[in-house]
N, C-alpha and C. Protein backbone atom coordinates (compact mmCIF):
# COMPACT_ATOMS: atom_id res chain seq x y z
N MET A 1 0.56 -1.28 -0.22
CA MET A 1 0.34 -0.19 0.06
C MET A 1 0.91 1.34 0.25
N VAL A 2 0.14 2.14 -0.71
CA VAL A 2 1.45 3.32 -0.97
C VAL A 2 1.06 4.37 0.26
N ARG A 3 1.84 5.20 1.01
CA ARG A 3 1.27 6.23 1.99
C ARG A 3 1.88 7.67 1.59
N ILE A 4 1.16 8.62 2.01
CA ILE A 4 0.94 9.63 1.31
C ILE A 4 1.19 10.08 2.79
N ASP A 5 2.29 11.52 2.48
CA ASP A 5 2.75 12.19 3.36
C ASP A 5 2.26 13.56 3.30
N GLY A 6 1.34 13.43 4.42
CA GLY A 6 -0.05 14.85 4.79
C GLY A 6 0.36 16.21 5.11
N ALA A 7 1.79 16.22 5.41
CA ALA A 7 2.53 17.24 5.38
C ALA A 7 2.69 17.89 4.43
N ARG A 8 3.03 16.99 3.38
CA ARG A 8 3.46 17.49 1.88
C ARG A 8 2.13 17.96 1.35
N LEU A 9 0.92 17.84 1.23
CA LEU A 9 -0.20 17.46 0.79
C LEU A 9 -0.35 19.30 1.84
N ARG A 10 -0.39 19.10 2.97
CA ARG A 10 -0.71 20.44 3.32
C ARG A 10 0.25 22.13 2.72
N ASP A 11 1.62 21.16 3.04
CA ASP A 11 2.70 22.46 2.27
C ASP A 11 2.09 22.81 0.89
N ALA A 12 2.15 21.69 -0.03
CA ALA A 12 1.46 22.25 -1.56
C ALA A 12 0.09 23.20 -1.60
N ARG A 13 -0.70 22.54 -0.57
CA ARG A 13 -1.93 23.47 -0.40
C ARG A 13 -1.67 24.89 -0.19
N ASN A 14 -0.69 25.36 0.98
CA ASN A 14 -0.29 26.39 1.57
C ASN A 14 0.57 27.09 0.70
N ALA A 15 1.38 26.75 -0.26
CA ALA A 15 2.04 27.13 -1.12
C ALA A 15 1.11 28.35 -2.16
N ARG A 16 -0.11 27.49 -2.55
CA ARG A 16 -0.76 28.05 -3.55
C ARG A 16 -1.58 28.96 -2.42
N LEU A 17 -1.76 29.16 -1.27
CA LEU A 17 -2.70 30.14 -0.59
C LEU A 17 -4.06 29.68 -0.67
N MET A 18 -3.83 28.37 -0.88
CA MET A 18 -5.51 27.64 -0.49
C MET A 18 -5.90 27.37 0.64
N THR A 19 -7.21 27.74 1.37
CA THR A 19 -7.34 26.97 2.52
C THR A 19 -8.23 25.65 2.39
N LEU A 20 -7.94 24.75 3.25
CA LEU A 20 -9.26 23.73 2.83
C LEU A 20 -10.34 23.52 2.25
N ARG A 21 -11.01 24.66 2.59
CA ARG A 21 -12.37 25.01 1.52
C ARG A 21 -12.22 24.86 0.27
N ASP A 22 -11.02 25.76 0.06
CA ASP A 22 -10.39 26.60 -1.55
C ASP A 22 -10.30 25.00 -2.42
N LEU A 23 -9.37 24.17 -1.43
CA LEU A 23 -9.05 23.12 -2.20
C LEU A 23 -10.26 21.91 -2.51
N ALA A 24 -11.05 21.94 -1.36
CA ALA A 24 -12.17 20.86 -1.43
C ALA A 24 -12.93 21.50 -2.56
N ALA A 25 -13.15 22.85 -2.95
CA ALA A 25 -14.09 23.52 -4.34
C ALA A 25 -13.49 23.25 -5.11
N ALA A 26 -12.00 23.09 -5.35
CA ALA A 26 -11.35 23.13 -6.79
C ALA A 26 -11.57 21.54 -6.91
N SER A 27 -11.37 20.65 -6.16
CA SER A 27 -11.27 19.10 -6.25
C SER A 27 -12.55 18.10 -6.07
N GLY A 28 -13.46 18.78 -5.47
CA GLY A 28 -14.91 18.03 -4.83
C GLY A 28 -14.27 16.77 -4.14
N VAL A 29 -13.22 17.29 -3.41
CA VAL A 29 -13.12 16.42 -1.99
C VAL A 29 -13.64 16.95 -0.93
N GLN A 30 -14.27 16.50 -0.03
CA GLN A 30 -14.89 17.03 1.41
C GLN A 30 -13.57 17.82 1.70
N HIS A 31 -13.81 18.94 2.73
CA HIS A 31 -12.50 19.29 3.10
C HIS A 31 -12.29 18.89 4.99
N HIS A 32 -13.32 17.80 5.20
CA HIS A 32 -12.86 16.87 6.38
C HIS A 32 -11.71 16.18 6.09
N THR A 33 -12.25 15.63 4.71
CA THR A 33 -11.36 14.39 4.13
C THR A 33 -9.81 14.90 4.14
N ILE A 34 -9.90 16.11 3.62
CA ILE A 34 -8.30 16.48 3.19
C ILE A 34 -7.90 17.00 4.56
N HIS A 35 -8.42 17.21 5.79
CA HIS A 35 -7.81 17.51 6.65
C HIS A 35 -7.28 16.24 7.46
N ALA A 36 -8.08 14.93 7.37
CA ALA A 36 -8.05 13.88 7.85
C ALA A 36 -6.59 13.10 7.27
N ILE A 37 -6.53 13.52 5.87
CA ILE A 37 -5.30 12.97 4.82
C ILE A 37 -4.07 13.86 5.26
N GLU A 38 -4.58 15.16 5.53
CA GLU A 38 -3.24 16.17 5.91
C GLU A 38 -2.76 15.48 7.32
N THR A 39 -3.58 15.26 8.41
CA THR A 39 -2.74 14.84 9.58
C THR A 39 -2.42 13.22 9.89
N GLY A 40 -2.89 12.80 8.80
CA GLY A 40 -2.66 11.31 8.63
C GLY A 40 -3.58 10.28 9.53
N LYS A 41 -4.83 10.87 9.41
CA LYS A 41 -5.49 10.06 10.16
C LYS A 41 -6.29 9.07 9.19
N GLN A 42 -6.43 9.37 7.81
CA GLN A 42 -6.91 8.52 6.51
C GLN A 42 -5.67 8.76 5.62
N GLU A 43 -5.79 7.61 4.69
CA GLU A 43 -4.99 7.51 3.61
C GLU A 43 -6.01 7.71 2.51
N PRO A 44 -5.79 8.56 1.33
CA PRO A 44 -6.93 8.79 0.49
C PRO A 44 -6.66 7.52 -0.55
N ARG A 45 -7.98 7.48 -0.98
CA ARG A 45 -7.92 6.41 -2.35
C ARG A 45 -7.47 7.17 -3.58
N PRO A 46 -7.06 6.28 -4.16
CA PRO A 46 -6.73 6.28 -5.65
C PRO A 46 -7.18 7.89 -6.01
N GLY A 47 -8.51 7.41 -6.32
CA GLY A 47 -9.39 8.44 -7.05
C GLY A 47 -9.29 9.84 -6.11
N THR A 48 -9.31 9.86 -5.09
CA THR A 48 -8.96 11.11 -3.97
C THR A 48 -7.78 11.82 -4.49
N LEU A 49 -6.81 11.03 -4.04
CA LEU A 49 -5.54 11.97 -4.65
C LEU A 49 -5.17 11.98 -5.84
N ARG A 50 -5.77 11.60 -6.83
CA ARG A 50 -5.51 12.36 -8.23
C ARG A 50 -6.68 13.24 -8.03
N LYS A 51 -7.45 13.66 -7.66
CA LYS A 51 -8.52 14.48 -7.65
C LYS A 51 -7.23 15.79 -6.93
N LEU A 52 -7.15 15.66 -5.92
CA LEU A 52 -6.40 16.64 -5.00
C LEU A 52 -4.96 17.23 -5.72
N CYS A 53 -4.54 16.33 -6.55
CA CYS A 53 -3.08 16.73 -7.06
C CYS A 53 -3.10 17.16 -8.26
N GLU A 54 -4.62 17.05 -9.01
CA GLU A 54 -5.41 17.74 -9.90
C GLU A 54 -5.36 19.22 -9.72
N ALA A 55 -5.97 19.32 -8.72
CA ALA A 55 -6.56 20.58 -7.84
C ALA A 55 -5.24 21.69 -7.81
N LEU A 56 -4.25 21.23 -7.11
CA LEU A 56 -3.07 21.33 -6.87
C LEU A 56 -1.92 21.88 -7.92
N GLY A 57 -2.43 20.92 -8.84
CA GLY A 57 -1.38 21.21 -10.41
C GLY A 57 -0.20 20.22 -9.56
N ILE A 58 0.16 19.38 -9.10
CA ILE A 58 1.20 18.51 -8.62
C ILE A 58 1.01 17.52 -9.36
N ASP A 59 2.50 16.19 -9.25
CA ASP A 59 2.33 15.07 -9.68
C ASP A 59 2.29 14.04 -8.41
N PRO A 60 1.28 13.11 -8.02
CA PRO A 60 1.06 12.38 -7.20
C PRO A 60 2.24 11.84 -6.18
N ALA A 61 3.42 11.34 -7.31
CA ALA A 61 4.58 11.34 -6.71
C ALA A 61 5.33 12.07 -5.53
N ALA A 62 5.09 13.16 -5.97
CA ALA A 62 5.43 14.20 -5.00
C ALA A 62 5.11 13.83 -3.19
N LEU A 63 4.01 13.42 -3.34
CA LEU A 63 3.17 13.25 -1.99
C LEU A 63 3.81 11.83 -1.47
N VAL A 64 4.12 10.97 -2.09
CA VAL A 64 4.14 9.34 -1.64
C VAL A 64 5.54 9.10 -0.97
N LEU A 65 5.07 8.46 0.47
CA LEU A 65 6.38 8.51 1.05
C LEU A 65 7.73 7.16 0.86
N PRO A 66 8.65 7.77 1.05
CA PRO A 66 9.47 6.21 0.49
C PRO A 66 9.37 5.20 1.43
N SER A 67 9.04 4.21 0.66
CA SER A 67 8.98 2.83 1.15
C SER A 67 10.52 2.48 2.14
N SER A 68 10.00 1.97 3.56
CA SER A 68 11.13 1.20 4.21
C SER A 68 11.28 -0.18 4.01
N ALA A 69 12.83 -0.35 3.87
CA ALA A 69 13.34 -1.62 3.31
C ALA A 69 13.07 -2.58 4.78
N PRO A 70 12.76 -3.85 4.10
CA PRO A 70 12.68 -5.07 5.44
C PRO A 70 13.95 -5.25 5.99
N ASP A 71 13.87 -5.26 7.12
CA ASP A 71 15.58 -5.65 7.74
C ASP A 71 16.08 -7.19 7.77
């Protein structure tokens, strides 16, 4: 499973001077869902991630956490 860095999502949103509600309106994703993703309480579904990244004009790969190698 791919894990998303919510802080990177928040930073991308803030860099575009968007509020949660601005991003919600632009992406069609509810603001409380975006907040849950940004705070790490929820992982986005692929379609949700795509909508958020399209609204922010970023590549989804920019939000993916590197996978840790097994010991």
